[in-house]
C-alpha atoms as a PDB file:
ATOM      1  CA  UNK A   1      -2.945 -26.501  19.005  1.00  0.00           C
ATOM      2  CA  UNK A   2      -0.702 -27.933  21.686  1.00  0.00           C
ATOM      3  CA  UNK A   3       2.367 -30.159  21.786  1.00  0.00           C
ATOM      4  CA  UNK A   4       1.460 -33.565  23.254  1.00  0.00           C
ATOM      5  CA  UNK A   5       4.991 -34.189  24.574  1.00  0.00           C
ATOM      6  CA  UNK A   6       4.666 -31.676  27.361  1.00  0.00           C
ATOM      7  CA  UNK A   7       1.838 -29.879  29.064  1.00  0.00           C
ATOM      8  CA  UNK A   8       4.133 -26.891  29.502  1.00  0.00           C
ATOM      9  CA  UNK A   9       4.189 -26.139  25.772  1.00  0.00           C
ATOM     10  CA  UNK A  10       1.204 -24.613  24.046  1.00  0.00           C
ATOM     11  CA  UNK A  11       0.703 -22.943  20.716  1.00  0.00           C
ATOM     12  CA  UNK A  12      -2.318 -20.779  20.113  1.00  0.00           C
ATOM     13  CA  UNK A  13      -3.823 -19.223  17.004  1.00  0.00           C
ATOM     14  CA  UNK A  14      -7.440 -18.621  16.032  1.00  0.00           C
ATOM     15  CA  UNK A  15      -8.966 -19.607  12.704  1.00  0.00           C
ATOM     16  CA  UNK A  16      -9.715 -16.010  11.769  1.00  0.00           C
ATOM     17  CA  UNK A  17     -10.634 -16.686   8.155  1.00  0.00           C
ATOM     18  CA  UNK A  18     -13.535 -18.997   9.035  1.00  0.00           C
ATOM     19  CA  UNK A  19     -14.911 -16.700  11.671  1.00  0.00           C
ATOM     20  CA  UNK A  20     -14.507 -13.850   9.235  1.00  0.00           C
ATOM     21  CA  UNK A  21     -17.497 -15.062   7.186  1.00  0.00           C
ATOM     22  CA  UNK A  22     -19.660 -13.048   9.538  1.00  0.00           C
ATOM     23  CA  UNK A  23     -17.584 -10.014   8.614  1.00  0.00           C
ATOM     24  CA  UNK A  24     -19.186  -9.921   5.175  1.00  0.00           C
ATOM     25  CA  UNK A  25     -22.362  -8.779   6.921  1.00  0.00           C
ATOM     26  CA  UNK A  26     -20.581  -6.201   9.034  1.00  0.00           C
ATOM     27  CA  UNK A  27     -17.516  -4.704   7.378  1.00  0.00           C
ATOM     28  CA  UNK A  28     -17.996  -1.523   9.394  1.00  0.00           C
ATOM     29  CA  UNK A  29     -17.482  -3.339  12.697  1.00  0.00           C
ATOM     30  CA  UNK A  30     -14.000  -1.942  13.131  1.00  0.00           C
ATOM     31  CA  UNK A  31     -15.314   1.598  12.805  1.00  0.00           C
ATOM     32  CA  UNK A  32     -17.966   1.202  15.489  1.00  0.00           C
ATOM     33  CA  UNK A  33     -16.126  -1.282  17.728  1.00  0.00           C
ATOM     34  CA  UNK A  34     -12.434  -0.422  17.358  1.00  0.00           C
ATOM     35  CA  UNK A  35     -11.440  -1.932  20.708  1.00  0.00           C
ATOM     36  CA  UNK A  36     -13.402  -5.178  20.601  1.00  0.00           C
ATOM     37  CA  UNK A  37     -11.610  -8.267  21.914  1.00  0.00           C
ATOM     38  CA  UNK A  38     -13.267 -10.589  19.399  1.00  0.00           C
ATOM     39  CA  UNK A  39     -10.588 -11.859  16.991  1.00  0.00           C
ATOM     40  CA  UNK A  40     -13.187 -11.984  14.211  1.00  0.00           C
ATOM     41  CA  UNK A  41     -13.269  -8.178  14.319  1.00  0.00           C
ATOM     42  CA  UNK A  42      -9.736  -8.210  12.910  1.00  0.00           C
ATOM     43  CA  UNK A  43     -11.064  -9.978   9.856  1.00  0.00           C
ATOM     44  CA  UNK A  44     -13.925  -7.492   9.606  1.00  0.00           C
ATOM     45  CA  UNK A  45     -11.285  -4.744   9.643  1.00  0.00           C
ATOM     46  CA  UNK A  46      -9.289  -6.464   6.908  1.00  0.00           C
ATOM     47  CA  UNK A  47     -12.364  -6.857   4.735  1.00  0.00           C
ATOM     48  CA  UNK A  48     -13.307  -3.216   5.263  1.00  0.00           C
ATOM     49  CA  UNK A  49      -9.757  -2.165   4.375  1.00  0.00           C
ATOM     50  CA  UNK A  50      -9.949  -4.146   1.125  1.00  0.00           C
ATOM     51  CA  UNK A  51     -13.349  -2.603   0.377  1.00  0.00           C
ATOM     52  CA  UNK A  52     -11.948   0.865   1.062  1.00  0.00           C
ATOM     53  CA  UNK A  53      -9.013   0.124  -1.231  1.00  0.00           C
ATOM     54  CA  UNK A  54     -11.357  -0.963  -4.032  1.00  0.00           C
ATOM     55  CA  UNK A  55     -13.466   2.160  -3.500  1.00  0.00           C
ATOM     56  CA  UNK A  56     -10.348   4.354  -3.728  1.00  0.00           C
ATOM     57  CA  UNK A  57      -9.292   2.624  -6.950  1.00  0.00           C
ATOM     58  CA  UNK A  58     -12.742   3.078  -8.501  1.00  0.00           C
ATOM     59  CA  UNK A  59     -13.018   6.761  -7.612  1.00  0.00           C
ATOM     60  CA  UNK A  60      -9.490   7.587  -8.761  1.00  0.00           C
ATOM     61  CA  UNK A  61      -9.982   5.628 -11.997  1.00  0.00           C
ATOM     62  CA  UNK A  62     -13.038   7.719 -12.869  1.00  0.00           C
ATOM     63  CA  UNK A  63     -11.253  10.947 -11.915  1.00  0.00           C
ATOM     64  CA  UNK A  64      -8.245  10.161 -14.115  1.00  0.00           C
ATOM     65  CA  UNK A  65     -10.415   9.158 -17.059  1.00  0.00           C
ATOM     66  CA  UNK A  66     -12.364  12.430 -16.794  1.00  0.00           C
ATOM     67  CA  UNK A  67      -9.057  14.321 -16.679  1.00  0.00           C
ATOM     68  CA  UNK A  68      -7.735  12.501 -19.751  1.00  0.00           C
ATOM     69  CA  UNK A  69     -10.962  13.084 -21.702  1.00  0.00           C
ATOM     70  CA  UNK A  70     -10.800  16.813 -20.925  1.00  0.00           C
ATOM     71  CA  UNK A  71      -7.218  16.929 -22.137  1.00  0.00           C
ATOM     72  CA  UNK A  72      -8.121  14.990 -25.289  1.00  0.00           C
ATOM     73  CA  UNK A  73     -10.694  17.637 -26.166  1.00  0.00           C
ATOM     74  CA  UNK A  74      -8.009  20.317 -25.956  1.00  0.00           C
ATOM     75  CA  UNK A  75      -5.663  18.229 -28.125  1.00  0.00           C
ATOM     76  CA  UNK A  76      -8.305  18.263 -30.880  1.00  0.00           C
ATOM     77  CA  UNK A  77      -8.436  22.079 -30.674  1.00  0.00           C
ATOM     78  CA  UNK A  78      -4.706  22.825 -30.450  1.00  0.00           C
ATOM     79  CA  UNK A  79      -3.023  19.902 -32.182  1.00  0.00           C
ATOM     80  CA  UNK A  80      -0.346  19.966 -29.468  1.00  0.00           C
ATOM     81  CA  UNK A  81       1.943  16.941 -29.809  1.00  0.00           C
ATOM     82  CA  UNK A  82       3.254  17.358 -26.280  1.00  0.00           C
ATOM     83  CA  UNK A  83      -0.257  17.475 -24.854  1.00  0.00           C
ATOM     84  CA  UNK A  84      -1.271  14.499 -26.997  1.00  0.00           C
ATOM     85  CA  UNK A  85       1.576  12.458 -25.519  1.00  0.00           C
ATOM     86  CA  UNK A  86       0.569  13.541 -22.005  1.00  0.00           C
ATOM     87  CA  UNK A  87      -3.076  12.671 -22.670  1.00  0.00           C
ATOM     88  CA  UNK A  88      -2.241   9.193 -23.983  1.00  0.00           C
ATOM     89  CA  UNK A  89       0.024   8.740 -20.982  1.00  0.00           C
ATOM     90  CA  UNK A  90      -2.780   9.686 -18.589  1.00  0.00           C
ATOM     91  CA  UNK A  91      -5.226   7.348 -20.304  1.00  0.00           C
ATOM     92  CA  UNK A  92      -2.866   4.398 -20.088  1.00  0.00           C
ATOM     93  CA  UNK A  93      -1.865   5.137 -16.503  1.00  0.00           C
ATOM     94  CA  UNK A  94      -5.484   5.420 -15.399  1.00  0.00           C
ATOM     95  CA  UNK A  95      -5.883   1.823 -16.508  1.00  0.00           C
ATOM     96  CA  UNK A  96      -3.106   0.676 -14.142  1.00  0.00           C
ATOM     97  CA  UNK A  97      -5.767   0.960 -11.436  1.00  0.00           C
ATOM     98  CA  UNK A  98      -7.411  -2.162 -12.868  1.00  0.00           C
ATOM     99  CA  UNK A  99      -4.741  -4.690 -11.751  1.00  0.00           C
ATOM    100  CA  UNK A 100      -4.720  -3.060  -8.323  1.00  0.00           C
ATOM    101  CA  UNK A 101      -8.509  -3.393  -8.202  1.00  0.00           C
ATOM    102  CA  UNK A 102      -8.142  -7.094  -9.047  1.00  0.00           C
ATOM    103  CA  UNK A 103      -5.549  -7.648  -6.309  1.00  0.00           C
ATOM    104  CA  UNK A 104      -7.760  -6.026  -3.662  1.00  0.00           C
ATOM    105  CA  UNK A 105     -10.567  -8.354  -4.739  1.00  0.00           C
ATOM    106  CA  UNK A 106      -8.211 -11.354  -4.672  1.00  0.00           C
ATOM    107  CA  UNK A 107      -7.084 -10.402  -1.183  1.00  0.00           C
ATOM    108  CA  UNK A 108     -10.617 -10.996   0.101  1.00  0.00           C
ATOM    109  CA  UNK A 109     -10.610 -14.628  -1.016  1.00  0.00           C
ATOM    110  CA  UNK A 110     -10.324 -17.276   1.685  1.00  0.00           C
ATOM    111  CA  UNK A 111      -7.067 -19.211   2.136  1.00  0.00           C
ATOM    112  CA  UNK A 112      -6.977 -22.713   0.675  1.00  0.00           C
ATOM    113  CA  UNK A 113      -4.702 -25.749   0.656  1.00  0.00           C
ATOM    114  CA  UNK A 114      -2.382 -24.144  -1.896  1.00  0.00           C
ATOM    115  CA  UNK A 115      -2.448 -20.532  -0.670  1.00  0.00           C
ATOM    116  CA  UNK A 116      -2.597 -21.150   3.058  1.00  0.00           C
ATOM    117  CA  UNK A 117      -1.930 -17.496   3.882  1.00  0.00           C
ATOM    118  CA  UNK A 118      -4.504 -16.241   1.394  1.00  0.00           C
ATOM    119  CA  UNK A 119      -3.932 -13.965  -1.595  1.00  0.00           C
ATOM    120  CA  UNK A 120      -2.733 -10.779   0.077  1.00  0.00           C
ATOM    121  CA  UNK A 121       0.677 -10.999  -1.607  1.00  0.00           C
ATOM    122  CA  UNK A 122      -0.982 -10.230  -4.942  1.00  0.00           C
ATOM    123  CA  UNK A 123      -1.107  -6.641  -3.732  1.00  0.00           C
ATOM    124  CA  UNK A 124       2.685  -6.507  -3.564  1.00  0.00           C
ATOM    125  CA  UNK A 125       2.935  -7.926  -7.086  1.00  0.00           C
ATOM    126  CA  UNK A 126       0.677  -5.105  -8.251  1.00  0.00           C
ATOM    127  CA  UNK A 127       3.067  -2.754  -6.492  1.00  0.00           C
ATOM    128  CA  UNK A 128       5.953  -4.121  -8.560  1.00  0.00           C
ATOM    129  CA  UNK A 129       3.924  -3.486 -11.725  1.00  0.00           C
ATOM    130  CA  UNK A 130       3.202   0.088 -10.634  1.00  0.00           C
ATOM    131  CA  UNK A 131       6.882   0.731  -9.890  1.00  0.00           C
ATOM    132  CA  UNK A 132       7.679  -0.444 -13.426  1.00  0.00           C
ATOM    133  CA  UNK A 133       5.068   1.982 -14.778  1.00  0.00           C
ATOM    134  CA  UNK A 134       6.708   4.840 -12.850  1.00  0.00           C
ATOM    135  CA  UNK A 135      10.055   3.832 -14.346  1.00  0.00           C
ATOM    136  CA  UNK A 136       8.513   3.872 -17.826  1.00  0.00           C
ATOM    137  CA  UNK A 137       7.102   7.342 -17.087  1.00  0.00           C
ATOM    138  CA  UNK A 138      10.608   8.547 -16.292  1.00  0.00           C
ATOM    139  CA  UNK A 139      11.977   7.033 -19.513  1.00  0.00           C
ATOM    140  CA  UNK A 140       9.194   8.592 -21.619  1.00  0.00           C
ATOM    141  CA  UNK A 141       9.591  12.008 -19.997  1.00  0.00           C
ATOM    142  CA  UNK A 142      13.356  11.919 -20.453  1.00  0.00           C
ATOM    143  CA  UNK A 143      13.115  10.770 -24.063  1.00  0.00           C
ATOM    144  CA  UNK A 144      10.573  13.443 -24.969  1.00  0.00           C
ATOM    145  CA  UNK A 145      12.700  16.132 -23.348  1.00  0.00           C
ATOM    146  CA  UNK A 146      15.829  15.123 -25.267  1.00  0.00           C
ATOM    147  CA  UNK A 147      13.847  14.807 -28.504  1.00  0.00           C
ATOM    148  CA  UNK A 148      12.485  18.334 -28.113  1.00  0.00           C
ATOM    149  CA  UNK A 149      16.001  19.645 -27.553  1.00  0.00           C
ATOM    150  CA  UNK A 150      17.165  18.045 -30.803  1.00  0.00           C
ATOM    151  CA  UNK A 151      13.999  18.694 -32.795  1.00  0.00           C
ATOM    152  CA  UNK A 152      11.928  21.563 -31.314  1.00  0.00           C
ATOM    153  CA  UNK A 153       8.157  21.387 -31.948  1.00  0.00           C
ATOM    154  CA  UNK A 154       6.190  24.569 -32.637  1.00  0.00           C
ATOM    155  CA  UNK A 155       3.384  25.055 -30.166  1.00  0.00           C
ATOM    156  CA  UNK A 156       0.015  26.523 -31.176  1.00  0.00           C
ATOM    157  CA  UNK A 157      -2.617  27.963 -28.835  1.00  0.00           C
ATOM    158  CA  UNK A 158      -0.183  27.949 -25.876  1.00  0.00           C
ATOM    159  CA  UNK A 159      -2.716  29.392 -23.415  1.00  0.00           C
ATOM    160  CA  UNK A 160      -5.128  26.558 -24.176  1.00  0.00           C
ATOM    161  CA  UNK A 161      -2.305  24.058 -23.691  1.00  0.00           C
ATOM    162  CA  UNK A 162      -1.516  25.707 -20.359  1.00  0.00           C
ATOM    163  CA  UNK A 163      -5.132  25.230 -19.277  1.00  0.00           C
ATOM    164  CA  UNK A 164      -5.127  21.578 -20.349  1.00  0.00           C
ATOM    165  CA  UNK A 165      -1.843  20.933 -18.573  1.00  0.00           C
ATOM    166  CA  UNK A 166      -3.203  22.468 -15.396  1.00  0.00           C
ATOM    167  CA  UNK A 167      -6.240  20.187 -15.678  1.00  0.00           C
ATOM    168  CA  UNK A 168      -3.929  17.208 -15.980  1.00  0.00           C
ATOM    169  CA  UNK A 169      -1.784  18.306 -13.059  1.00  0.00           C
ATOM    170  CA  UNK A 170      -4.754  19.050 -10.800  1.00  0.00           C
ATOM    171  CA  UNK A 171      -6.549  15.803 -11.639  1.00  0.00           C
ATOM    172  CA  UNK A 172      -3.470  13.676 -11.040  1.00  0.00           C
ATOM    173  CA  UNK A 173      -2.480  15.456  -7.846  1.00  0.00           C
ATOM    174  CA  UNK A 174      -5.980  15.124  -6.359  1.00  0.00           C
ATOM    175  CA  UNK A 175      -5.946  11.406  -7.170  1.00  0.00           C
ATOM    176  CA  UNK A 176      -2.398  11.092  -5.797  1.00  0.00           C
ATOM    177  CA  UNK A 177      -3.295  12.687  -2.455  1.00  0.00           C
ATOM    178  CA  UNK A 178      -6.422  10.525  -2.165  1.00  0.00           C
ATOM    179  CA  UNK A 179      -4.665   7.250  -3.027  1.00  0.00           C
ATOM    180  CA  UNK A 180      -1.709   7.936  -0.760  1.00  0.00           C
ATOM    181  CA  UNK A 181      -3.953   8.900   2.163  1.00  0.00           C
ATOM    182  CA  UNK A 182      -6.147   5.809   1.815  1.00  0.00           C
ATOM    183  CA  UNK A 183      -3.150   3.566   1.152  1.00  0.00           C
ATOM    184  CA  UNK A 184      -1.405   4.693   4.320  1.00  0.00           C
ATOM    185  CA  UNK A 185      -4.588   4.402   6.346  1.00  0.00           C
ATOM    186  CA  UNK A 186      -5.239   0.788   5.310  1.00  0.00           C
ATOM    187  CA  UNK A 187      -1.563  -0.172   5.135  1.00  0.00           C
ATOM    188  CA  UNK A 188      -1.373  -0.795   1.373  1.00  0.00           C
ATOM    189  CA  UNK A 189       2.087  -0.115  -0.059  1.00  0.00           C
ATOM    190  CA  UNK A 190       0.737  -0.859  -3.552  1.00  0.00           C
ATOM    191  CA  UNK A 191      -1.972   1.805  -3.292  1.00  0.00           C
ATOM    192  CA  UNK A 192       0.561   4.322  -1.967  1.00  0.00           C
ATOM    193  CA  UNK A 193       2.836   3.472  -4.918  1.00  0.00           C
ATOM    194  CA  UNK A 194      -0.081   3.994  -7.297  1.00  0.00           C
ATOM    195  CA  UNK A 195      -0.679   7.377  -5.687  1.00  0.00           C
ATOM    196  CA  UNK A 196       2.965   8.253  -6.267  1.00  0.00           C
ATOM    197  CA  UNK A 197       2.491   7.079  -9.839  1.00  0.00           C
ATOM    198  CA  UNK A 198      -0.363   9.560 -10.282  1.00  0.00           C
ATOM    199  CA  UNK A 199       1.885  12.252  -8.836  1.00  0.00           C
ATOM    200  CA  UNK A 200       4.556  11.543 -11.461  1.00  0.00           C
ATOM    201  CA  UNK A 201       1.872  11.923 -14.135  1.00  0.00           C
ATOM    202  CA  UNK A 202       0.993  15.273 -12.599  1.00  0.00           C
ATOM    203  CA  UNK A 203       4.649  16.273 -12.920  1.00  0.00           C
ATOM    204  CA  UNK A 204       4.515  15.382 -16.614  1.00  0.00           C
ATOM    205  CA  UNK A 205       1.427  17.558 -17.095  1.00  0.00           C
ATOM    206  CA  UNK A 206       3.152  20.351 -15.195  1.00  0.00           C
ATOM    207  CA  UNK A 207       6.073  20.109 -17.603  1.00  0.00           C
ATOM    208  CA  UNK A 208       3.621  20.734 -20.461  1.00  0.00           C
ATOM    209  CA  UNK A 209       2.357  23.854 -18.653  1.00  0.00           C
ATOM    210  CA  UNK A 210       5.822  25.235 -17.975  1.00  0.00           C
ATOM    211  CA  UNK A 211       6.850  24.472 -21.543  1.00  0.00           C
ATOM    212  CA  UNK A 212       3.906  26.399 -22.942  1.00  0.00           C
ATOM    213  CA  UNK A 213       4.620  29.344 -20.641  1.00  0.00           C
ATOM    214  CA  UNK A 214       8.242  29.261 -21.765  1.00  0.00           C
ATOM    215  CA  UNK A 215       7.136  29.506 -25.399  1.00  0.00           C
ATOM    216  CA  UNK A 216       4.980  32.509 -24.509  1.00  0.00           C
ATOM    217  CA  UNK A 217       8.002  34.083 -22.811  1.00  0.00           C
ATOM    218  CA  UNK A 218      10.131  33.559 -25.923  1.00  0.00           C
ATOM    219  CA  UNK A 219      12.201  30.725 -24.400  1.00  0.00           C
ATOM    220  CA  UNK A 220      11.288  27.590 -26.383  1.00  0.00           C
ATOM    221  CA  UNK A 221      14.335  25.623 -25.154  1.00  0.00           C
ATOM    222  CA  UNK A 222      13.135  26.001 -21.568  1.00  0.00           C
ATOM    223  CA  UNK A 223      10.438  23.412 -22.343  1.00  0.00           C
ATOM    224  CA  UNK A 224      12.760  20.403 -22.815  1.00  0.00           C
ATOM    225  CA  UNK A 225      15.106  21.576 -20.062  1.00  0.00           C
ATOM    226  CA  UNK A 226      12.233  21.695 -17.608  1.00  0.00           C
ATOM    227  CA  UNK A 227      11.172  18.290 -18.928  1.00  0.00           C
ATOM    228  CA  UNK A 228      14.573  16.906 -17.895  1.00  0.00           C
ATOM    229  CA  UNK A 229      14.112  18.435 -14.442  1.00  0.00           C
ATOM    230  CA  UNK A 230      10.706  16.747 -14.204  1.00  0.00           C
ATOM    231  CA  UNK A 231      12.354  13.456 -15.205  1.00  0.00           C
ATOM    232  CA  UNK A 232      14.703  13.773 -12.234  1.00  0.00           C
ATOM    233  CA  UNK A 233      11.719  14.448  -9.951  1.00  0.00           C
ATOM    234  CA  UNK A 234      10.026  11.297 -11.260  1.00  0.00           C
ATOM    235  CA  UNK A 235      13.184   9.286 -10.569  1.00  0.00           C
ATOM    236  CA  UNK A 236      13.130  10.503  -6.959  1.00  0.00           C
ATOM    237  CA  UNK A 237       9.503   9.381  -6.629  1.00  0.00           C
ATOM    238  CA  UNK A 238      10.479   6.050  -8.227  1.00  0.00           C
ATOM    239  CA  UNK A 239      13.204   5.551  -5.645  1.00  0.00           C
ATOM    240  CA  UNK A 240      10.789   5.940  -2.738  1.00  0.00           C
ATOM    241  CA  UNK A 241       8.111   3.716  -4.263  1.00  0.00           C
ATOM    242  CA  UNK A 242      10.607   0.993  -5.183  1.00  0.00           C
ATOM    243  CA  UNK A 243      12.071   1.055  -1.667  1.00  0.00           C
ATOM    244  CA  UNK A 244       8.642   0.634  -0.056  1.00  0.00           C
ATOM    245  CA  UNK A 245       7.619  -2.241  -2.341  1.00  0.00           C
ATOM    246  CA  UNK A 246      10.996  -3.946  -1.865  1.00  0.00           C
ATOM    247  CA  UNK A 247      10.602  -3.767   1.908  1.00  0.00           C
ATOM    248  CA  UNK A 248       7.154  -5.356   1.678  1.00  0.00           C
ATOM    249  CA  UNK A 249       8.438  -8.177  -0.514  1.00  0.00           C
ATOM    250  CA  UNK A 250      11.258  -8.786   1.986  1.00  0.00           C
ATOM    251  CA  UNK A 251       8.832  -8.848   4.960  1.00  0.00           C
ATOM    252  CA  UNK A 252      10.325  -5.696   6.483  1.00  0.00           C
ATOM    253  CA  UNK A 253       8.357  -3.786   9.114  1.00  0.00           C
ATOM    254  CA  UNK A 254       8.992  -0.612  11.069  1.00  0.00           C
ATOM    255  CA  UNK A 255      11.424  -1.585  13.900  1.00  0.00           C
ATOM    256  CA  UNK A 256       9.514   0.604  16.335  1.00  0.00           C
ATOM    257  CA  UNK A 257       6.398  -1.483  15.630  1.00  0.00           C
ATOM    258  CA  UNK A 258       8.329  -4.676  16.421  1.00  0.00           C
ATOM    259  CA  UNK A 259       9.592  -3.156  19.655  1.00  0.00           C
ATOM    260  CA  UNK A 260       6.103  -2.030  20.616  1.00  0.00           C
ATOM    261  CA  UNK A 261       4.575  -5.425  19.842  1.00  0.00           C
ATOM    262  CA  UNK A 262       7.266  -7.141  21.925  1.00  0.00           C
ATOM    263  CA  UNK A 263       6.459  -4.859  24.857  1.00  0.00           C
ATOM    264  CA  UNK A 264       2.749  -5.633  24.474  1.00  0.00           C
ATOM    265  CA  UNK A 265       3.354  -9.386  24.461  1.00  0.00           C
ATOM    266  CA  UNK A 266       5.658  -9.128  27.466  1.00  0.00           C
ATOM    267  CA  UNK A 267       3.114  -7.136  29.452  1.00  0.00           C
ATOM    268  CA  UNK A 268       0.504  -9.913  29.449  1.00  0.00           C
ATOM    269  CA  UNK A 269      -0.192 -11.536  32.822  1.00  0.00           C
ATOM    270  CA  UNK A 270       1.903 -14.654  33.356  1.00  0.00           C
ATOM    271  CA  UNK A 271       4.514 -13.859  30.682  1.00  0.00           C
ATOM    272  CA  UNK A 272       8.023 -13.887  32.156  1.00  0.00           C
ATOM    273  CA  UNK A 273       9.910 -13.109  28.961  1.00  0.00           C
ATOM    274  CA  UNK A 274       9.484 -12.919  25.189  1.00  0.00           C
ATOM    275  CA  UNK A 275      11.732 -15.337  23.282  1.00  0.00           C
ATOM    276  CA  UNK A 276      10.980 -13.894  19.858  1.00  0.00           C
ATOM    277  CA  UNK A 277       8.409 -11.855  18.016  1.00  0.00           C
ATOM    278  CA  UNK A 278       8.079 -11.683  14.242  1.00  0.00           C
ATOM    279  CA  UNK A 279       5.815  -9.474  12.154  1.00  0.00           C
ATOM    280  CA  UNK A 280       5.154  -9.630   8.431  1.00  0.00           C
ATOM    281  CA  UNK A 281       2.905  -7.791   6.008  1.00  0.00           C
ATOM    282  CA  UNK A 282       0.610  -9.829   3.779  1.00  0.00           C
ATOM    283  CA  UNK A 283      -1.018  -7.288   1.503  1.00  0.00           C
ATOM    284  CA  UNK A 284      -2.268  -4.501   3.774  1.00  0.00           C
ATOM    285  CA  UNK A 285      -2.567  -6.659   6.884  1.00  0.00           C
ATOM    286  CA  UNK A 286       0.001  -7.830   9.470  1.00  0.00           C
ATOM    287  CA  UNK A 287       0.524 -11.326  10.888  1.00  0.00           C
ATOM    288  CA  UNK A 288       2.493 -12.021  14.065  1.00  0.00           C
ATOM    289  CA  UNK A 289       4.337 -15.000  15.518  1.00  0.00           C
ATOM    290  CA  UNK A 290       5.654 -14.886  19.050  1.00  0.00           C
ATOM    291  CA  UNK A 291       7.228 -17.161  21.616  1.00  0.00           C
ATOM    292  CA  UNK A 292       6.775 -16.358  25.291  1.00  0.00           C
ATOM    293  CA  UNK A 293       8.236 -17.905  28.439  1.00  0.00           C
ATOM    294  CA  UNK A 294       6.022 -18.748  31.426  1.00  0.00           C
ATOM    295  CA  UNK A 295       6.444 -20.466  34.741  1.00  0.00           C
ATOM    296  CA  UNK A 296       7.504 -24.120  34.495  1.00  0.00           C
ATOM    297  CA  UNK A 297       4.914 -25.167  37.078  1.00  0.00           C
ATOM    298  CA  UNK A 298       1.910 -24.214  34.888  1.00  0.00           C
ATOM    299  CA  UNK A 299      -0.406 -26.851  33.447  1.00  0.00           C
ATOM    300  CA  UNK A 300      -1.629 -26.914  29.855  1.00  0.00           C
ATOM    301  CA  UNK A 301      -4.851 -24.997  30.555  1.00  0.00           C
ATOM    302  CA  UNK A 302      -2.980 -22.212  32.322  1.00  0.00           C
ATOM    303  CA  UNK A 303      -0.409 -21.989  29.519  1.00  0.00           C
ATOM    304  CA  UNK A 304      -3.208 -21.865  26.933  1.00  0.00           C
ATOM    305  CA  UNK A 305      -4.916 -19.048  28.813  1.00  0.00           C
ATOM    306  CA  UNK A 306      -1.711 -16.994  28.790  1.00  0.00           C
ATOM    307  CA  UNK A 307      -1.254 -17.638  25.047  1.00  0.00           C
ATOM    308  CA  UNK A 308      -4.816 -16.494  24.432  1.00  0.00           C
ATOM    309  CA  UNK A 309      -4.281 -13.341  26.514  1.00  0.00           C
ATOM    310  CA  UNK A 310      -1.097 -12.477  24.589  1.00  0.00           C
ATOM    311  CA  UNK A 311      -2.884 -12.976  21.292  1.00  0.00           C
ATOM    312  CA  UNK A 312      -5.810 -10.786  22.296  1.00  0.00           C
ATOM    313  CA  UNK A 313      -3.536  -7.996  23.525  1.00  0.00           C
ATOM    314  CA  UNK A 314      -1.596  -8.022  20.257  1.00  0.00           C
ATOM    315  CA  UNK A 315      -4.741  -8.034  18.112  1.00  0.00           C
ATOM    316  CA  UNK A 316      -6.216  -5.217  20.144  1.00  0.00           C
ATOM    317  CA  UNK A 317      -3.174  -2.939  20.374  1.00  0.00           C
ATOM    318  CA  UNK A 318      -1.100  -3.502  17.215  1.00  0.00           C
ATOM    319  CA  UNK A 319      -2.549  -1.553  14.257  1.00  0.00           C
ATOM    320  CA  UNK A 320      -3.555  -3.608  11.190  1.00  0.00           C
ATOM    321  CA  UNK A 321      -2.740  -6.926  12.920  1.00  0.00           C
ATOM    322  CA  UNK A 322      -5.287  -9.626  12.009  1.00  0.00           C
ATOM    323  CA  UNK A 323      -3.624 -12.867  13.103  1.00  0.00           C
ATOM    324  CA  UNK A 324      -1.230 -13.849  15.886  1.00  0.00           C
ATOM    325  CA  UNK A 325       0.213 -17.287  16.627  1.00  0.00           C
ATOM    326  CA  UNK A 326       1.646 -17.614  20.129  1.00  0.00           C
ATOM    327  CA  UNK A 327       4.006 -20.365  21.302  1.00  0.00           C
ATOM    328  CA  UNK A 328       4.360 -20.867  25.054  1.00  0.00           C
ATOM    329  CA  UNK A 329       7.412 -22.501  26.654  1.00  0.00           C
ATOM    330  CA  UNK A 330       8.440 -23.040  30.283  1.00  0.00           C
ATOM    331  CA  UNK A 331      11.126 -20.737  31.633  1.00  0.00           C
ATOM    332  CA  UNK A 332      14.423 -22.720  31.661  1.00  0.00           C
ATOM    333  CA  UNK A 333      15.793 -23.351  35.108  1.00  0.00           C
ATOM    334  CA  UNK A 334      19.002 -21.539  34.150  1.00  0.00           C
ATOM    335  CA  UNK A 335      16.930 -18.352  33.654  1.00  0.00           C
ATOM    336  CA  UNK A 336      14.913 -18.642  36.862  1.00  0.00           C
ATOM    337  CA  UNK A 337      15.369 -15.879  39.375  1.00  0.00           C
END
């Protein structure tokens, strides 16, 4: 789109969402053609990232449910109240994957007249929900620890409880590592937060293990004391997850990425200076807006070509960038060399 008042001003941005329809037939395009100049490949990459996020949610959901079922079987054998609470907690937290699954699916919907940037922000809302769940985990762990200090609970079959707690810890930690790795790879703060959530659940299961071992060692009060220590660990995880989600909601990006993108835009042929460059996350994808200065003697076609070149360089070299809108202005005479 160009400004009719002057042929020296041009604004350029591709309709990626419409061209992205072809991406539904080739979501692996980014894997096999990572350096393609076609802007539609950015949409293919975004669709593949959403598909990978959904796949991660599905796999981790099944893994957590299997873990919780295994723990439930041990609860029936031992009658452990602590393990029962941990099992119920794992069941309920496994289900938090469902809203994240929904948001990944929503993120694949096309923009419309109301949601002109699409539905990627739903992912950040899911992140807020997950942060709240981590906070609830901390409250529950802290409450249970204090309650056990005031009213100790006798533990039966401690070795069996140890085994069940280890199952819970291992299952949650495996899911945590998987979610965090995939979330960082596709740029999803919500999926990373959900991975941290699984890690806090693993801490809770670990508290059950340490408590049972403490009973075996003749130190029953060590159980709630360790539970309080686990609560502090969960609060530290909560702090990091809340910070990351807050930054996404406030459109924060890594400053080094902004600097790098500015250098990329400024290196395009015909660009004399970069007036501004803005980046923002929408879900697990990045959008860019930039203003560049070019020679005042250029015509509209030449200015449009430079805008297109800047856009292509940004899409090609900035990770997770799927859309770039470039505004071209003539270099003011006061800035001419």
